[in-house]
PDB file of all heavy atoms in Angstrom:
ATOM      1  N   GLU A   1     -33.090 -52.600  34.009  1.00  0.00           N
ATOM      2  CA  GLU A   1     -31.679 -52.935  34.172  1.00  0.00           C
ATOM      3  C   GLU A   1     -30.820 -52.196  33.163  1.00  0.00           C
ATOM      4  O   GLU A   1     -29.876 -52.749  32.569  1.00  0.00           O
ATOM      5  CB  GLU A   1     -31.460 -54.457  34.068  1.00  0.00           C
ATOM      6  CG  GLU A   1     -32.204 -55.230  35.148  1.00  0.00           C
ATOM      7  CD  GLU A   1     -32.061 -56.738  35.004  1.00  0.00           C
ATOM      8  OE1 GLU A   1     -31.667 -57.135  33.912  1.00  0.00           O
ATOM      9  OE2 GLU A   1     -32.375 -57.437  35.970  1.00  0.00           O
ATOM     10  N   GLY A   2     -31.160 -50.933  32.908  1.00  0.00           N
ATOM     11  CA  GLY A   2     -30.365 -50.086  32.017  1.00  0.00           C
ATOM     12  C   GLY A   2     -30.687 -50.217  30.531  1.00  0.00           C
ATOM     13  O   GLY A   2     -30.028 -49.588  29.729  1.00  0.00           O
ATOM     14  N   ASN A   3     -31.743 -50.930  30.193  1.00  0.00           N
ATOM     15  CA  ASN A   3     -32.120 -51.074  28.773  1.00  0.00           C
ATOM     16  C   ASN A   3     -32.974 -49.901  28.279  1.00  0.00           C
ATOM     17  O   ASN A   3     -33.348 -49.878  27.090  1.00  0.00           O
ATOM     18  CB  ASN A   3     -32.899 -52.378  28.545  1.00  0.00           C
ATOM     19  CG  ASN A   3     -32.005 -53.571  28.726  1.00  0.00           C
ATOM     20  OD1 ASN A   3     -30.842 -53.556  28.376  1.00  0.00           O
ATOM     21  ND2 ASN A   3     -32.562 -54.662  29.270  1.00  0.00           N
ATOM     22  N   GLY A   4     -33.276 -48.966  29.111  1.00  0.00           N
ATOM     23  CA  GLY A   4     -34.052 -47.813  28.685  1.00  0.00           C
ATOM     24  C   GLY A   4     -34.025 -46.740  29.775  1.00  0.00           C
ATOM     25  O   GLY A   4     -33.525 -46.945  30.873  1.00  0.00           O
ATOM     26  N   TRP A   5     -34.583 -45.558  29.450  1.00  0.00           N
ATOM     27  CA  TRP A   5     -34.630 -44.457  30.408  1.00  0.00           C
ATOM     28  C   TRP A   5     -36.084 -43.914  30.410  1.00  0.00           C
ATOM     29  O   TRP A   5     -36.720 -43.836  29.350  1.00  0.00           O
ATOM     30  CB  TRP A   5     -33.668 -43.342  30.013  1.00  0.00           C
ATOM     31  CG  TRP A   5     -32.230 -43.751  30.059  1.00  0.00           C
ATOM     32  CD1 TRP A   5     -31.415 -43.725  31.146  1.00  0.00           C
ATOM     33  CD2 TRP A   5     -31.444 -44.199  28.978  1.00  0.00           C
ATOM     34  NE1 TRP A   5     -30.143 -44.169  30.814  1.00  0.00           N
ATOM     35  CE2 TRP A   5     -30.128 -44.447  29.457  1.00  0.00           C
ATOM     36  CE3 TRP A   5     -31.689 -44.428  27.611  1.00  0.00           C
ATOM     37  CZ2 TRP A   5     -29.106 -44.914  28.673  1.00  0.00           C
ATOM     38  CZ3 TRP A   5     -30.649 -44.901  26.804  1.00  0.00           C
ATOM     39  CH2 TRP A   5     -29.373 -45.150  27.336  1.00  0.00           C
ATOM     40  N   ALA A   6     -36.537 -43.599  31.579  1.00  0.00           N
ATOM     41  CA  ALA A   6     -37.900 -43.063  31.746  1.00  0.00           C
ATOM     42  C   ALA A   6     -37.831 -41.713  32.430  1.00  0.00           C
ATOM     43  O   ALA A   6     -37.079 -41.530  33.408  1.00  0.00           O
ATOM     44  CB  ALA A   6     -38.764 -44.011  32.554  1.00  0.00           C
ATOM     45  N   TYR A   7     -38.652 -40.746  31.951  1.00  0.00           N
ATOM     46  CA  TYR A   7     -38.700 -39.418  32.504  1.00  0.00           C
ATOM     47  C   TYR A   7     -40.131 -39.033  32.747  1.00  0.00           C
ATOM     48  O   TYR A   7     -41.069 -39.490  32.035  1.00  0.00           O
ATOM     49  CB  TYR A   7     -38.133 -38.368  31.521  1.00  0.00           C
ATOM     50  CG  TYR A   7     -36.680 -38.589  31.164  1.00  0.00           C
ATOM     51  CD1 TYR A   7     -36.310 -39.435  30.137  1.00  0.00           C
ATOM     52  CD2 TYR A   7     -35.690 -37.894  31.850  1.00  0.00           C
ATOM     53  CE1 TYR A   7     -34.974 -39.617  29.827  1.00  0.00           C
ATOM     54  CE2 TYR A   7     -34.334 -38.070  31.542  1.00  0.00           C
ATOM     55  CZ  TYR A   7     -34.005 -38.950  30.489  1.00  0.00           C
ATOM     56  OH  TYR A   7     -32.665 -39.106  30.152  1.00  0.00           O
ATOM     57  N   ALA A   8     -40.356 -38.206  33.750  1.00  0.00           N
ATOM     58  CA  ALA A   8     -41.720 -37.702  34.049  1.00  0.00           C
ATOM     59  C   ALA A   8     -41.579 -36.465  34.941  1.00  0.00           C
ATOM     60  O   ALA A   8     -40.522 -36.234  35.566  1.00  0.00           O
ATOM     61  CB  ALA A   8     -42.570 -38.740  34.733  1.00  0.00           C
ATOM     62  N   ASP A   9     -42.634 -35.661  34.991  1.00  0.00           N
ATOM     63  CA  ASP A   9     -42.692 -34.574  35.960  1.00  0.00           C
ATOM     64  C   ASP A   9     -43.902 -34.659  36.859  1.00  0.00           C
ATOM     65  O   ASP A   9     -44.088 -33.875  37.808  1.00  0.00           O
ATOM     66  CB  ASP A   9     -42.645 -33.235  35.265  1.00  0.00           C
ATOM     67  CG  ASP A   9     -43.801 -33.049  34.291  1.00  0.00           C
ATOM     68  OD1 ASP A   9     -44.637 -33.946  34.161  1.00  0.00           O
ATOM     69  OD2 ASP A   9     -43.851 -31.981  33.619  1.00  0.00           O
ATOM     70  N   PHE A  10     -44.806 -35.609  36.557  1.00  0.00           N
ATOM     71  CA  PHE A  10     -46.014 -35.850  37.382  1.00  0.00           C
ATOM     72  C   PHE A  10     -46.817 -34.555  37.590  1.00  0.00           C
ATOM     73  O   PHE A  10     -47.382 -34.318  38.646  1.00  0.00           O
ATOM     74  CB  PHE A  10     -45.664 -36.503  38.701  1.00  0.00           C
ATOM     75  CG  PHE A  10     -45.130 -37.866  38.579  1.00  0.00           C
ATOM     76  CD1 PHE A  10     -43.737 -38.103  38.650  1.00  0.00           C
ATOM     77  CD2 PHE A  10     -45.941 -38.913  38.356  1.00  0.00           C
ATOM     78  CE1 PHE A  10     -43.232 -39.390  38.524  1.00  0.00           C
ATOM     79  CE2 PHE A  10     -45.446 -40.205  38.246  1.00  0.00           C
ATOM     80  CZ  PHE A  10     -44.101 -40.436  38.324  1.00  0.00           C
ATOM     81  N   ARG A  11     -46.885 -33.762  36.537  1.00  0.00           N
ATOM     82  CA  ARG A  11     -47.724 -32.554  36.558  1.00  0.00           C
ATOM     83  C   ARG A  11     -48.790 -32.699  35.484  1.00  0.00           C
ATOM     84  O   ARG A  11     -48.544 -33.243  34.409  1.00  0.00           O
ATOM     85  CB  ARG A  11     -46.864 -31.281  36.261  1.00  0.00           C
ATOM     86  CG  ARG A  11     -45.885 -30.952  37.349  1.00  0.00           C
ATOM     87  CD  ARG A  11     -45.138 -29.694  37.014  1.00  0.00           C
ATOM     88  NE  ARG A  11     -44.122 -29.367  38.007  1.00  0.00           N
ATOM     89  CZ  ARG A  11     -44.370 -28.701  39.137  1.00  0.00           C
ATOM     90  NH1 ARG A  11     -45.613 -28.266  39.379  1.00  0.00           N
ATOM     91  NH2 ARG A  11     -43.407 -28.445  40.000  1.00  0.00           N
ATOM     92  N   ILE A  12     -49.972 -32.170  35.790  1.00  0.00           N
ATOM     93  CA  ILE A  12     -51.043 -32.139  34.772  1.00  0.00           C
ATOM     94  C   ILE A  12     -50.847 -30.902  33.946  1.00  0.00           C
ATOM     95  O   ILE A  12     -50.938 -29.766  34.450  1.00  0.00           O
ATOM     96  CB  ILE A  12     -52.459 -32.138  35.479  1.00  0.00           C
ATOM     97  CG1 ILE A  12     -52.604 -33.383  36.311  1.00  0.00           C
ATOM     98  CG2 ILE A  12     -53.554 -32.057  34.431  1.00  0.00           C
ATOM     99  CD1 ILE A  12     -53.898 -33.425  37.111  1.00  0.00           C
ATOM    100  N   ARG A  13     -50.589 -31.072  32.680  1.00  0.00           N
ATOM    101  CA  ARG A  13     -50.244 -29.936  31.806  1.00  0.00           C
ATOM    102  C   ARG A  13     -51.546 -29.325  31.266  1.00  0.00           C
ATOM    103  O   ARG A  13     -52.640 -29.786  31.566  1.00  0.00           O
ATOM    104  CB  ARG A  13     -49.332 -30.396  30.700  1.00  0.00           C
ATOM    105  CG  ARG A  13     -48.008 -30.988  31.210  1.00  0.00           C
ATOM    106  CD  ARG A  13     -47.036 -31.189  30.121  1.00  0.00           C
ATOM    107  NE  ARG A  13     -45.804 -31.809  30.574  1.00  0.00           N
ATOM    108  CZ  ARG A  13     -44.751 -32.092  29.807  1.00  0.00           C
ATOM    109  NH1 ARG A  13     -44.800 -31.872  28.472  1.00  0.00           N
ATOM    110  NH2 ARG A  13     -43.679 -32.642  30.318  1.00  0.00           N
ATOM    111  N   GLU A  14     -51.348 -28.319  30.470  1.00  0.00           N
ATOM    112  CA  GLU A  14     -52.484 -27.575  29.919  1.00  0.00           C
ATOM    113  C   GLU A  14     -53.397 -28.476  29.093  1.00  0.00           C
ATOM    114  O   GLU A  14     -54.600 -28.193  28.989  1.00  0.00           O
ATOM    115  CB  GLU A  14     -52.005 -26.369  29.095  1.00  0.00           C
ATOM    116  CG  GLU A  14     -51.329 -25.321  29.932  1.00  0.00           C
ATOM    117  CD  GLU A  14     -50.905 -24.122  29.080  1.00  0.00           C
ATOM    118  OE1 GLU A  14     -51.145 -24.174  27.869  1.00  0.00           O
ATOM    119  OE2 GLU A  14     -50.374 -23.134  29.662  1.00  0.00           O
ATOM    120  N   ASP A  15     -52.863 -29.512  28.483  1.00  0.00           N
ATOM    121  CA  ASP A  15     -53.725 -30.425  27.696  1.00  0.00           C
ATOM    122  C   ASP A  15     -54.492 -31.423  28.556  1.00  0.00           C
ATOM    123  O   ASP A  15     -55.247 -32.238  28.014  1.00  0.00           O
ATOM    124  CB  ASP A  15     -52.864 -31.165  26.644  1.00  0.00           C
ATOM    125  CG  ASP A  15     -51.735 -31.987  27.281  1.00  0.00           C
ATOM    126  OD1 ASP A  15     -51.683 -32.057  28.529  1.00  0.00           O
ATOM    127  OD2 ASP A  15     -50.956 -32.552  26.523  1.00  0.00           O
ATOM    128  N   GLY A  16     -54.287 -31.372  29.886  1.00  0.00           N
ATOM    129  CA  GLY A  16     -54.990 -32.248  30.778  1.00  0.00           C
ATOM    130  C   GLY A  16     -54.355 -33.584  31.022  1.00  0.00           C
ATOM    131  O   GLY A  16     -54.928 -34.411  31.719  1.00  0.00           O
ATOM    132  N   PHE A  17     -53.136 -33.800  30.495  1.00  0.00           N
ATOM    133  CA  PHE A  17     -52.451 -35.068  30.646  1.00  0.00           C
ATOM    134  C   PHE A  17     -51.164 -34.939  31.444  1.00  0.00           C
ATOM    135  O   PHE A  17     -50.528 -33.869  31.424  1.00  0.00           O
ATOM    136  CB  PHE A  17     -52.137 -35.678  29.244  1.00  0.00           C
ATOM    137  CG  PHE A  17     -53.318 -36.136  28.486  1.00  0.00           C
ATOM    138  CD1 PHE A  17     -54.070 -35.216  27.707  1.00  0.00           C
ATOM    139  CD2 PHE A  17     -53.721 -37.450  28.507  1.00  0.00           C
ATOM    140  CE1 PHE A  17     -55.169 -35.638  26.995  1.00  0.00           C
ATOM    141  CE2 PHE A  17     -54.839 -37.856  27.821  1.00  0.00           C
ATOM    142  CZ  PHE A  17     -55.541 -36.940  27.050  1.00  0.00           C
ATOM    143  N   THR A  18     -50.824 -36.020  32.103  1.00  0.00           N
ATOM    144  CA  THR A  18     -49.500 -36.187  32.716  1.00  0.00           C
ATOM    145  C   THR A  18     -48.623 -36.874  31.710  1.00  0.00           C
ATOM    146  O   THR A  18     -49.001 -37.931  31.155  1.00  0.00           O
ATOM    147  CB  THR A  18     -49.565 -37.031  34.012  1.00  0.00           C
ATOM    148  OG1 THR A  18     -50.509 -36.424  34.915  1.00  0.00           O
ATOM    149  CG2 THR A  18     -48.208 -37.118  34.672  1.00  0.00           C
ATOM    150  N   HIS A  19     -47.444 -36.352  31.464  1.00  0.00           N
ATOM    151  CA  HIS A  19     -46.602 -36.830  30.360  1.00  0.00           C
ATOM    152  C   HIS A  19     -45.390 -37.644  30.860  1.00  0.00           C
ATOM    153  O   HIS A  19     -44.778 -37.294  31.879  1.00  0.00           O
ATOM    154  CB  HIS A  19     -46.119 -35.689  29.485  1.00  0.00           C
ATOM    155  CG  HIS A  19     -47.181 -35.125  28.605  1.00  0.00           C
ATOM    156  ND1 HIS A  19     -47.293 -35.394  27.272  1.00  0.00           N
ATOM    157  CD2 HIS A  19     -48.228 -34.300  28.903  1.00  0.00           C
ATOM    158  CE1 HIS A  19     -48.336 -34.768  26.743  1.00  0.00           C
ATOM    159  NE2 HIS A  19     -48.941 -34.079  27.748  1.00  0.00           N
ATOM    160  N   PHE A  20     -45.077 -38.713  30.152  1.00  0.00           N
ATOM    161  CA  PHE A  20     -43.934 -39.551  30.375  1.00  0.00           C
ATOM    162  C   PHE A  20     -43.164 -39.680  29.063  1.00  0.00           C
ATOM    163  O   PHE A  20     -43.742 -39.619  27.968  1.00  0.00           O
ATOM    164  CB  PHE A  20     -44.335 -40.966  30.853  1.00  0.00           C
ATOM    165  CG  PHE A  20     -45.026 -41.023  32.149  1.00  0.00           C
ATOM    166  CD1 PHE A  20     -46.381 -40.782  32.259  1.00  0.00           C
ATOM    167  CD2 PHE A  20     -44.302 -41.316  33.304  1.00  0.00           C
ATOM    168  CE1 PHE A  20     -47.043 -40.835  33.479  1.00  0.00           C
ATOM    169  CE2 PHE A  20     -44.980 -41.384  34.535  1.00  0.00           C
ATOM    170  CZ  PHE A  20     -46.309 -41.150  34.611  1.00  0.00           C
ATOM    171  N   LEU A  21     -41.853 -39.863  29.205  1.00  0.00           N
ATOM    172  CA  LEU A  21     -41.002 -40.181  28.059  1.00  0.00           C
ATOM    173  C   LEU A  21     -40.202 -41.396  28.355  1.00  0.00           C
ATOM    174  O   LEU A  21     -39.539 -41.470  29.436  1.00  0.00           O
ATOM    175  CB  LEU A  21     -40.066 -38.980  27.751  1.00  0.00           C
ATOM    176  CG  LEU A  21     -38.997 -39.242  26.656  1.00  0.00           C
ATOM    177  CD1 LEU A  21     -39.658 -39.513  25.291  1.00  0.00           C
ATOM    178  CD2 LEU A  21     -38.007 -38.100  26.566  1.00  0.00           C
ATOM    179  N   VAL A  22     -40.195 -42.364  27.481  1.00  0.00           N
ATOM    180  CA  VAL A  22     -39.436 -43.596  27.617  1.00  0.00           C
ATOM    181  C   VAL A  22     -38.520 -43.704  26.416  1.00  0.00           C
ATOM    182  O   VAL A  22     -38.997 -43.823  25.282  1.00  0.00           O
ATOM    183  CB  VAL A  22     -40.315 -44.859  27.739  1.00  0.00           C
ATOM    184  CG1 VAL A  22     -39.452 -46.098  27.851  1.00  0.00           C
ATOM    185  CG2 VAL A  22     -41.223 -44.715  28.984  1.00  0.00           C
ATOM    186  N   LEU A  23     -37.202 -43.678  26.661  1.00  0.00           N
ATOM    187  CA  LEU A  23     -36.233 -43.906  25.599  1.00  0.00           C
ATOM    188  C   LEU A  23     -35.841 -45.364  25.616  1.00  0.00           C
ATOM    189  O   LEU A  23     -35.355 -45.905  26.601  1.00  0.00           O
ATOM    190  CB  LEU A  23     -34.992 -43.021  25.866  1.00  0.00           C
ATOM    191  CG  LEU A  23     -35.231 -41.512  25.884  1.00  0.00           C
ATOM    192  CD1 LEU A  23     -33.905 -40.798  26.158  1.00  0.00           C
ATOM    193  CD2 LEU A  23     -35.879 -41.040  24.595  1.00  0.00           C
ATOM    194  N   ASN A  24     -36.130 -46.040  24.511  1.00  0.00           N
ATOM    195  CA  ASN A  24     -35.895 -47.469  24.395  1.00  0.00           C
ATOM    196  C   ASN A  24     -34.554 -47.721  23.764  1.00  0.00           C
ATOM    197  O   ASN A  24     -34.361 -47.539  22.557  1.00  0.00           O
ATOM    198  CB  ASN A  24     -37.027 -48.122  23.593  1.00  0.00           C
ATOM    199  CG  ASN A  24     -36.884 -49.642  23.554  1.00  0.00           C
ATOM    200  OD1 ASN A  24     -36.012 -50.214  24.179  1.00  0.00           O
ATOM    201  ND2 ASN A  24     -37.768 -50.264  22.781  1.00  0.00           N
ATOM    202  N   ARG A  25     -33.596 -48.184  24.566  1.00  0.00           N
ATOM    203  CA  ARG A  25     -32.264 -48.448  24.071  1.00  0.00           C
ATOM    204  C   ARG A  25     -32.115 -49.884  23.630  1.00  0.00           C
ATOM    205  O   ARG A  25     -31.564 -50.152  22.559  1.00  0.00           O
ATOM    206  CB  ARG A  25     -31.216 -48.104  25.116  1.00  0.00           C
ATOM    207  CG  ARG A  25     -29.737 -48.228  24.610  1.00  0.00           C
ATOM    208  CD  ARG A  25     -28.799 -47.707  25.648  1.00  0.00           C
ATOM    209  NE  ARG A  25     -28.738 -48.585  26.838  1.00  0.00           N
ATOM    210  CZ  ARG A  25     -27.890 -49.608  26.911  1.00  0.00           C
ATOM    211  NH1 ARG A  25     -27.032 -49.893  25.944  1.00  0.00           N
ATOM    212  NH2 ARG A  25     -27.878 -50.389  28.002  1.00  0.00           N
TER     213      ARG A  25
END
């Protein structure tokens, strides 16, 4: 409900992981 923002690209990167970013407001 607007208390944070989440980002992703759903790609497996060179390190073997899928990455997400969550900004906690």
